[in-house]
Protein backbone atom coordinates (compact mmCIF):
# COMPACT_ATOMS: atom_id res chain seq x y z
CA UNK A 1 0.00 0.00 0.00
CA UNK A 2 1.35 3.39 -1.00
CA UNK A 3 1.53 6.33 1.37
CA UNK A 4 0.99 10.00 0.60
CA UNK A 5 4.70 10.72 0.94
CA UNK A 6 5.64 7.95 -1.53
CA UNK A 7 3.20 9.26 -4.13
CA UNK A 8 4.30 12.87 -3.65
CA UNK A 9 7.99 11.98 -4.05
CA UNK A 10 7.27 9.94 -7.21
CA UNK A 11 5.45 12.77 -8.99
CA UNK A 12 7.30 15.56 -10.84
CA UNK A 13 7.72 18.83 -8.97
CA UNK A 14 4.96 20.58 -10.91
CA UNK A 15 2.40 17.85 -10.06
CA UNK A 16 3.19 17.23 -6.42
CA UNK A 17 0.42 19.60 -5.40
CA UNK A 18 -2.07 17.07 -6.80
CA UNK A 19 -0.99 14.45 -4.27
CA UNK A 20 -3.68 13.97 -1.63
CA UNK A 21 -5.18 11.33 0.60
CA UNK A 22 -7.96 10.91 -1.94
CA UNK A 23 -5.39 10.07 -4.64
CA UNK A 24 -3.69 7.61 -2.29
CA UNK A 25 -7.01 5.85 -1.73
CA UNK A 26 -7.69 5.72 -5.49
CA UNK A 27 -4.27 4.20 -6.24
CA UNK A 28 -4.51 1.61 -3.48
CA UNK A 29 -8.08 0.70 -4.45
CA UNK A 30 -7.46 0.61 -8.21
CA UNK A 31 -7.81 -3.18 -8.36
CA UNK A 32 -10.31 -5.59 -6.93
CA UNK A 33 -7.76 -7.91 -5.31
CA UNK A 34 -4.65 -7.19 -3.23
CA UNK A 35 -2.24 -8.84 -5.70
CA UNK A 36 -3.28 -6.68 -8.65
CA UNK A 37 -3.46 -3.60 -6.42
CA UNK A 38 0.16 -4.12 -5.39
CA UNK A 39 1.27 -4.36 -9.03
CA UNK A 40 -0.63 -1.20 -9.93
CA UNK A 41 0.83 0.70 -6.97
CA UNK A 42 4.39 -0.25 -7.93
CA UNK A 43 3.80 0.68 -11.56
CA UNK A 44 2.32 4.03 -10.55
CA UNK A 45 5.58 4.91 -8.81
CA UNK A 46 7.85 3.18 -11.32
CA UNK A 47 6.56 4.91 -14.46
CA UNK A 48 5.90 8.34 -12.93
CA UNK A 49 8.83 9.92 -14.81
CA UNK A 50 6.66 9.63 -17.95
CA UNK A 51 4.77 12.63 -16.56
CA UNK A 52 7.86 14.76 -17.03
CA UNK A 53 7.64 14.35 -20.81
CA UNK A 54 4.03 15.43 -21.31
CA UNK A 55 1.19 17.61 -20.07
CA UNK A 56 -0.96 14.85 -18.64
CA UNK A 57 -3.10 15.00 -15.53
CA UNK A 58 -2.43 12.70 -12.60
CA UNK A 59 -5.92 11.19 -12.92
CA UNK A 60 -5.31 10.30 -16.58
CA UNK A 61 -1.91 8.87 -15.67
CA UNK A 62 -3.47 6.66 -13.00
CA UNK A 63 -6.03 5.29 -15.47
CA UNK A 64 -3.28 4.54 -18.01
CA UNK A 65 -1.19 2.78 -15.35
CA UNK A 66 -4.17 0.63 -14.32
CA UNK A 67 -4.86 -0.27 -17.96
CA UNK A 68 -1.23 -1.14 -18.74
CA UNK A 69 -0.86 -3.09 -15.49
CA UNK A 70 -3.83 -5.32 -16.38
CA UNK A 71 -2.34 -5.92 -19.82
CA UNK A 72 0.98 -6.91 -18.24
CA UNK A 73 -0.93 -9.35 -16.02
CA UNK A 74 -2.06 -11.18 -19.15
CA UNK A 75 -5.47 -9.68 -19.73
CA UNK A 76 -6.71 -8.68 -23.20
CA UNK A 77 -7.16 -5.07 -24.23
CA UNK A 78 -10.92 -5.33 -23.78
CA UNK A 79 -10.64 -6.92 -20.33
CA UNK A 80 -8.09 -4.30 -19.25
CA UNK A 81 -10.37 -1.53 -20.51
CA UNK A 82 -13.40 -2.94 -18.66
CA UNK A 83 -11.41 -3.21 -15.40
CA UNK A 84 -10.00 0.28 -15.78
CA UNK A 85 -13.27 1.98 -16.72
CA UNK A 86 -16.06 -0.23 -15.32
CA UNK A 87 -18.69 2.50 -15.43
CA UNK A 88 -17.73 3.61 -18.92
CA UNK A 89 -17.73 0.03 -20.19
CA UNK A 90 -21.11 -0.66 -18.61
CA UNK A 91 -22.50 2.46 -20.25
CA UNK A 92 -21.29 1.31 -23.67
CA UNK A 93 -23.02 -2.03 -23.18
CA UNK A 94 -26.19 -0.32 -21.93
CA UNK A 95 -26.34 1.75 -25.09
CA UNK A 96 -26.68 -1.45 -27.08
CA UNK A 97 -23.37 -1.19 -28.92
CA UNK A 98 -22.22 -4.37 -30.62
CA UNK A 99 -18.87 -6.07 -30.12
CA UNK A 100 -17.22 -4.28 -33.03
CA UNK A 101 -18.30 -0.85 -31.83
CA UNK A 102 -17.10 -1.48 -28.29
CA UNK A 103 -13.81 -2.81 -29.68
CA UNK A 104 -13.29 0.48 -31.53
CA UNK A 105 -13.45 2.40 -28.24
CA UNK A 106 -10.97 -0.02 -26.67
CA UNK A 107 -8.63 0.23 -29.67
CA UNK A 108 -8.76 4.03 -29.57
CA UNK A 109 -7.74 4.14 -25.92
CA UNK A 110 -5.02 1.54 -26.49
CA UNK A 111 -3.43 3.83 -29.11
CA UNK A 112 -3.40 6.99 -26.99
CA UNK A 113 -0.05 8.69 -26.46
CA UNK A 114 -0.03 8.30 -22.68
CA UNK A 115 -0.74 4.56 -22.78
CA UNK A 116 1.99 3.98 -25.34
CA UNK A 117 4.46 6.13 -23.42
CA UNK A 118 3.97 3.83 -20.43
CA UNK A 119 4.06 0.68 -22.58
CA UNK A 120 7.43 1.74 -23.98
CA UNK A 121 8.86 1.67 -20.47
CA UNK A 122 7.69 -1.91 -19.97
CA UNK A 123 9.39 -3.35 -23.04
CA UNK A 124 12.22 -5.77 -22.36
CA UNK A 125 15.12 -5.89 -24.86
CA UNK A 126 14.99 -9.05 -26.96
CA UNK A 127 18.51 -10.07 -25.99
CA UNK A 128 17.45 -10.03 -22.33
CA UNK A 129 14.11 -11.73 -22.99
CA UNK A 130 15.79 -14.54 -24.94
CA UNK A 131 18.87 -14.92 -22.80
CA UNK A 132 18.12 -18.61 -22.17
CA UNK A 133 17.83 -19.29 -25.91
CA UNK A 134 21.13 -17.48 -26.49
CA UNK A 135 22.88 -19.74 -23.98
CA UNK A 136 21.34 -22.87 -25.52
CA UNK A 137 22.65 -21.84 -28.94
CA UNK A 138 26.12 -21.42 -27.50
CA UNK A 139 25.93 -24.87 -25.93
CA UNK A 140 24.92 -26.44 -29.28
CA UNK A 141 27.80 -24.74 -31.08
CA UNK A 142 30.21 -25.91 -28.40
CA UNK A 143 28.99 -29.48 -28.71
CA UNK A 144 29.34 -29.41 -32.50
CA UNK A 145 32.84 -28.02 -32.20
CA UNK A 146 33.85 -30.97 -30.01
CA UNK A 147 31.85 -33.91 -31.38
CA UNK A 148 30.91 -33.28 -35.03
CA UNK A 149 32.32 -35.83 -37.50
CA UNK A 150 32.92 -33.25 -40.20
CA UNK A 151 35.99 -31.08 -39.82
CA UNK A 152 34.15 -28.32 -41.71
CA UNK A 153 31.26 -28.37 -39.21
CA UNK A 154 33.67 -28.32 -36.26
CA UNK A 155 35.58 -25.39 -37.77
CA UNK A 156 32.38 -23.42 -38.47
CA UNK A 157 31.11 -24.05 -34.94
CA UNK A 158 34.41 -22.92 -33.45
CA UNK A 159 34.45 -19.82 -35.64
CA UNK A 160 30.86 -19.02 -34.62
CA UNK A 161 31.80 -19.22 -30.95
CA UNK A 162 34.85 -17.02 -31.47
CA UNK A 163 32.75 -14.46 -33.30
CA UNK A 164 29.87 -14.25 -30.82
CA UNK A 165 31.87 -14.63 -27.61
CA UNK A 166 34.68 -12.24 -28.39
CA UNK A 167 35.39 -9.44 -26.01
CA UNK A 168 33.47 -6.23 -26.82
CA UNK A 169 35.59 -3.58 -28.45
CA UNK A 170 36.28 -0.48 -26.45
CA UNK A 171 34.11 2.40 -27.54
CA UNK A 172 36.09 5.52 -28.35
CA UNK A 173 34.20 8.66 -27.60
CA UNK A 174 34.70 11.35 -30.17
CA UNK A 175 33.59 14.86 -29.54
CA UNK A 176 33.36 17.19 -32.52
CA UNK A 177 34.42 20.67 -31.50
CA UNK A 178 33.75 23.54 -33.82
CA UNK A 179 35.31 26.85 -32.87
CA UNK A 180 33.64 29.85 -34.41
CA UNK A 181 35.26 33.23 -34.39
CA UNK A 182 33.27 35.98 -32.67
CA UNK A 183 31.40 38.41 -34.85
CA UNK A 184 33.69 41.16 -36.16
CA UNK A 185 36.90 39.16 -35.67
CA UNK A 186 37.61 38.97 -39.40
CA UNK A 187 37.16 42.73 -39.74
CA UNK A 188 39.51 43.32 -36.82
CA UNK A 189 42.15 41.06 -38.35
CA UNK A 190 41.88 42.94 -41.62
CA UNK A 191 42.26 46.29 -39.86
CA UNK A 192 45.31 45.13 -37.93
CA UNK A 193 46.89 43.71 -41.07
CA UNK A 194 46.30 46.95 -42.95
CA UNK A 195 47.72 49.02 -40.08
CA UNK A 196 50.82 46.82 -39.84
CA UNK A 197 51.41 47.19 -43.55
CA UNK A 198 50.98 50.96 -43.38
CA UNK A 199 53.35 51.27 -40.43
CA UNK A 200 55.97 49.24 -42.23
CA UNK A 201 55.81 51.58 -45.20
CA UNK A 202 56.17 54.60 -42.89
CA UNK A 203 59.19 53.07 -41.19
CA UNK A 204 60.81 52.41 -44.56
CA UNK A 205 60.11 56.05 -45.46
CA UNK A 206 61.93 57.29 -42.34
CA UNK A 207 59.00 58.39 -40.17
CA UNK A 208 60.00 58.39 -36.47
CA UNK A 209 58.68 55.33 -34.61
CA UNK A 210 57.33 57.50 -31.80
CA UNK A 211 55.01 59.23 -34.24
CA UNK A 212 53.94 55.89 -35.70
CA UNK A 213 53.22 54.51 -32.22
CA UNK A 214 50.81 57.36 -31.51
CA UNK A 215 48.64 56.45 -34.45
CA UNK A 216 45.19 55.00 -33.74
CA UNK A 217 43.60 51.88 -35.13
CA UNK A 218 42.05 52.72 -38.50
CA UNK A 219 38.32 52.39 -39.04
CA UNK A 220 36.37 51.48 -42.13
CA UNK A 221 35.40 55.16 -42.61
CA UNK A 222 39.04 56.16 -42.52
CA UNK A 223 39.97 53.51 -45.04
CA UNK A 224 41.37 50.94 -42.59
CA UNK A 225 39.44 48.07 -44.15
CA UNK A 226 38.88 49.46 -47.62
CA UNK A 227 42.28 48.32 -48.80
CA UNK A 228 43.54 51.89 -49.34
CA UNK A 229 47.26 52.36 -48.96
CA UNK A 230 48.87 55.26 -47.11
CA UNK A 231 50.26 57.97 -49.27
CA UNK A 232 53.89 57.69 -50.25
CA UNK A 233 56.26 60.35 -49.02
CA UNK A 234 56.56 63.00 -51.66
CA UNK A 235 59.26 65.59 -52.10
CA UNK A 236 58.02 68.97 -53.37
CA UNK A 237 59.67 72.26 -54.28
CA UNK A 238 63.34 73.29 -54.42
CA UNK A 239 63.97 73.58 -50.69
CA UNK A 240 63.68 69.89 -49.99
CA UNK A 241 60.30 70.10 -48.30
CA UNK A 242 59.00 66.60 -47.49
CA UNK A 243 55.41 65.73 -46.68
CA UNK A 244 54.73 62.41 -45.01
CA UNK A 245 51.14 61.16 -44.65
CA UNK A 246 50.33 58.59 -41.95
CA UNK A 247 47.41 56.18 -41.54
CA UNK A 248 44.95 58.47 -39.77
CA UNK A 249 45.76 61.60 -41.68
CA UNK A 250 48.82 62.29 -39.51
CA UNK A 251 51.24 64.54 -41.44
CA UNK A 252 54.81 65.31 -40.61
CA UNK A 253 56.60 68.15 -42.35
CA UNK A 254 60.29 68.73 -42.72
CA UNK A 255 61.58 72.09 -43.90
CA UNK A 256 65.13 72.25 -45.23
CA UNK A 257 65.90 68.79 -43.90
CA UNK A 258 64.73 69.32 -40.26
CA UNK A 259 61.57 67.65 -38.96
CA UNK A 260 58.74 69.77 -37.62
CA UNK A 261 56.81 67.54 -35.10
CA UNK A 262 53.41 69.06 -35.84
CA UNK A 263 50.33 67.30 -37.09
CA UNK A 264 48.00 68.90 -39.53
CA UNK A 265 44.44 69.08 -38.28
């Protein structure tokens, strides 16, 4: 017999408020005999995590558990339906429905999503269900390997045993990691590359490194990413006046060979 605390702990957090003494009484009285009632109570707790995957009510879940439990006890779909919904089944019969019509109601309920979600949890893997058959097959192969008159049969039996009884291969876990560059990283790389190229040209032209170091990172508006190249140093006039143009419009003038550390606005 289940207690209120057992039912409350089995239900998901969002449905624990529905746990009450009335629900406890319904679960414990869901079957007509103590043996079936015990099975239903265990299944109610055991399959409760199904409620985490859907928006079902606790009352609907209880009905589905009762129905599936009767099926697991060997009853047919119709018998399980009649035991789960005795009043509903009696009403169908009172309405004068024939066997085929009643069977359609049973089939519809048997195909509902909640019932099948619970049934999926009751399925036993075939290799577990047929474990005894698997061992018998191994024994037959072992006997053939040792006693068969044909060398071919003995060899095939031995090879079959080696194949099916070999040690499982270690599973190597592979995790695919994909590193994506943050947005704007390509633009930043392009700006830095353009600035480095411009600074190199200024150094080759003789611009003081202190003046180059004071330059700011170019922007797209200033031509940093447009691929424009800084102006070459040009010599104008007869007095050896040199104009040097930097990346951000920085200009350094030299009059008669001496540098004037002023920047044009």
